[in-house]
Amino acid sequence: MLDYGKKFLTERPHSFFYIPFFILLAIGLIALIVWQHCCFSSVFHGNNNFFNFNNTGIWEILNILELIWGLGFLRDAFNFCVSGNAVDWYWFRPKVTNCYTPYQRLACKHWGSVAGGSFLNSFFSIPRLIV
């Protein structure tokens, strides 16, 4: 298994670019969540404490759920792209595909299934996080 992994990464080194791309998307998601928290806490003036999550009411709960679902989606989309690239390499080795093929497959054919699966994975794993 490690031998195939080494061959895969030496023949397709562009697979390493998935890591910084999805890290950049995760940073963008966290920036979006922080921006939404700033907006929600500035509209509702319960008090001026920025770290008081009770200021914003239901919007902060939705914001936290968005963060959990977004991180789950990014994880599942990353796994989909990397595994899709590995399967393409394993089955269609002589044919060279570019690194955008798994992204295209994700966006055109499997976006809903990855989003739905990440929704189920994220929200059914919340009880495990709490306990």
Protein backbone atom coordinates (compact mmCIF):
# COMPACT_ATOMS: atom_id res chain seq x y z
CA MET A 1 0.00 0.00 0.00
CA LEU A 2 2.80 2.44 0.83
CA ASP A 3 4.53 1.52 -2.41
CA TYR A 4 1.41 2.50 -4.39
CA GLY A 5 1.15 5.71 -2.39
CA LYS A 6 4.75 6.58 -3.19
CA LYS A 7 4.25 5.82 -6.89
CA PHE A 8 1.05 7.87 -6.96
CA LEU A 9 2.66 10.93 -5.39
CA THR A 10 5.78 10.74 -7.57
CA GLU A 11 3.72 10.44 -10.76
CA ARG A 12 1.16 13.07 -9.72
CA PRO A 13 2.89 15.62 -7.50
CA HIS A 14 0.12 18.16 -8.18
CA SER A 15 -1.92 16.26 -5.58
CA PHE A 16 0.06 18.11 -2.92
CA PHE A 17 -1.68 21.34 -4.02
CA TYR A 18 -4.97 20.07 -2.58
CA ILE A 19 -3.64 20.61 0.94
CA PRO A 20 -2.96 24.40 0.76
CA PHE A 21 -6.10 24.94 -1.32
CA PHE A 22 -8.39 23.38 1.27
CA ILE A 23 -6.49 25.05 4.13
CA LEU A 24 -7.14 28.37 2.38
CA LEU A 25 -10.83 27.50 2.07
CA ALA A 26 -10.97 26.59 5.79
CA ILE A 27 -9.35 29.92 6.70
CA GLY A 28 -11.93 31.68 4.51
CA LEU A 29 -14.74 29.82 6.26
CA ILE A 30 -13.43 30.81 9.69
CA ALA A 31 -13.08 34.43 8.51
CA LEU A 32 -16.69 34.30 7.32
CA ILE A 33 -17.87 32.94 10.67
CA VAL A 34 -15.96 35.62 12.60
CA TRP A 35 -17.34 38.34 10.29
CA GLN A 36 -20.89 37.08 10.78
CA HIS A 37 -20.36 37.03 14.54
CA CYS A 38 -19.14 40.65 14.40
CA CYS A 39 -22.18 41.64 12.37
CA PHE A 40 -24.63 39.80 14.62
CA SER A 41 -23.09 41.17 17.82
CA SER A 42 -23.12 44.74 16.49
CA VAL A 43 -26.81 44.63 15.57
CA PHE A 44 -28.08 43.25 18.84
CA HIS A 45 -26.93 45.46 21.73
CA GLY A 46 -27.44 43.27 24.79
CA ASN A 47 -24.05 44.40 26.05
CA ASN A 48 -20.70 45.37 24.54
CA ASN A 49 -18.89 42.11 25.33
CA PHE A 50 -17.72 40.67 22.00
CA PHE A 51 -17.18 37.20 23.48
CA ASN A 52 -20.70 36.93 24.91
CA PHE A 53 -22.43 34.56 22.50
CA ASN A 54 -25.81 35.18 24.15
CA ASN A 55 -25.93 38.65 22.59
CA THR A 56 -27.00 37.46 19.18
CA GLY A 57 -29.65 34.89 20.07
CA ILE A 58 -30.67 32.38 17.42
CA TRP A 59 -28.28 33.83 14.83
CA GLU A 60 -25.24 32.71 16.79
CA ILE A 61 -26.62 29.17 17.02
CA LEU A 62 -27.06 29.14 13.25
CA ASN A 63 -23.57 30.58 12.87
CA ILE A 64 -22.06 27.76 14.94
CA LEU A 65 -24.05 25.16 12.99
CA GLU A 66 -22.75 26.73 9.78
CA LEU A 67 -19.19 26.38 11.06
CA ILE A 68 -19.67 22.71 11.97
CA TRP A 69 -21.32 21.89 8.65
CA GLY A 70 -18.77 23.93 6.66
CA LEU A 71 -15.78 22.22 8.24
CA GLY A 72 -17.41 18.83 7.66
CA PHE A 73 -18.08 19.74 4.03
CA LEU A 74 -14.48 20.84 3.47
CA ARG A 75 -13.21 17.61 5.02
CA ASP A 76 -15.48 15.46 2.85
CA ALA A 77 -14.75 17.47 -0.31
CA PHE A 78 -11.00 17.14 0.31
CA ASN A 79 -11.37 13.38 0.78
CA PHE A 80 -13.50 13.17 -2.38
CA CYS A 81 -10.92 15.03 -4.47
CA VAL A 82 -7.88 13.15 -3.18
CA SER A 83 -9.52 9.74 -3.43
CA GLY A 84 -10.90 10.58 -6.89
CA ASN A 85 -7.45 11.53 -8.06
CA ALA A 86 -5.99 8.31 -6.61
CA VAL A 87 -8.68 6.19 -8.28
CA ASP A 88 -8.06 7.93 -11.62
CA TRP A 89 -4.37 7.21 -11.27
CA TYR A 90 -4.89 3.58 -10.32
CA TRP A 91 -7.41 2.68 -13.04
CA PHE A 92 -6.36 5.01 -15.86
CA ARG A 93 -2.61 5.18 -15.33
CA PRO A 94 -1.50 5.65 -18.95
CA LYS A 95 -4.03 8.43 -19.49
CA VAL A 96 -2.83 11.63 -17.86
CA THR A 97 -5.53 13.67 -16.17
CA ASN A 98 -5.05 17.09 -14.69
CA CYS A 99 -5.56 18.01 -11.05
CA TYR A 100 -8.83 19.81 -11.86
CA THR A 101 -10.69 16.64 -12.87
CA PRO A 102 -11.77 15.72 -9.29
CA TYR A 103 -12.89 19.34 -8.69
CA GLN A 104 -14.95 19.26 -11.87
CA ARG A 105 -16.47 15.92 -10.89
CA LEU A 106 -17.27 17.30 -7.43
CA ALA A 107 -18.86 20.51 -8.72
CA CYS A 108 -20.79 19.01 -11.63
CA LYS A 109 -21.99 15.65 -10.39
CA HIS A 110 -21.48 15.09 -6.67
CA TRP A 111 -21.93 18.45 -4.91
CA GLY A 112 -25.28 17.54 -3.38
CA SER A 113 -24.20 14.12 -2.17
CA VAL A 114 -21.06 15.52 -0.53
CA ALA A 115 -23.07 18.35 1.08
CA GLY A 116 -25.76 15.95 2.29
CA GLY A 117 -23.22 13.46 3.57
CA SER A 118 -21.27 16.15 5.40
CA PHE A 119 -24.54 17.39 6.94
CA LEU A 120 -25.30 13.92 8.28
CA ASN A 121 -21.72 13.31 9.43
CA SER A 122 -21.46 16.68 11.15
CA PHE A 123 -24.74 16.73 13.02
CA PHE A 124 -24.78 13.12 14.07
CA SER A 125 -21.27 13.47 15.45
CA ILE A 126 -22.21 16.43 17.72
CA PRO A 127 -23.23 14.15 20.62
CA ARG A 128 -19.80 12.54 20.44
CA LEU A 129 -18.18 15.98 20.69
CA ILE A 130 -20.23 16.95 23.73
CA VAL A 131 -19.64 13.78 25.73
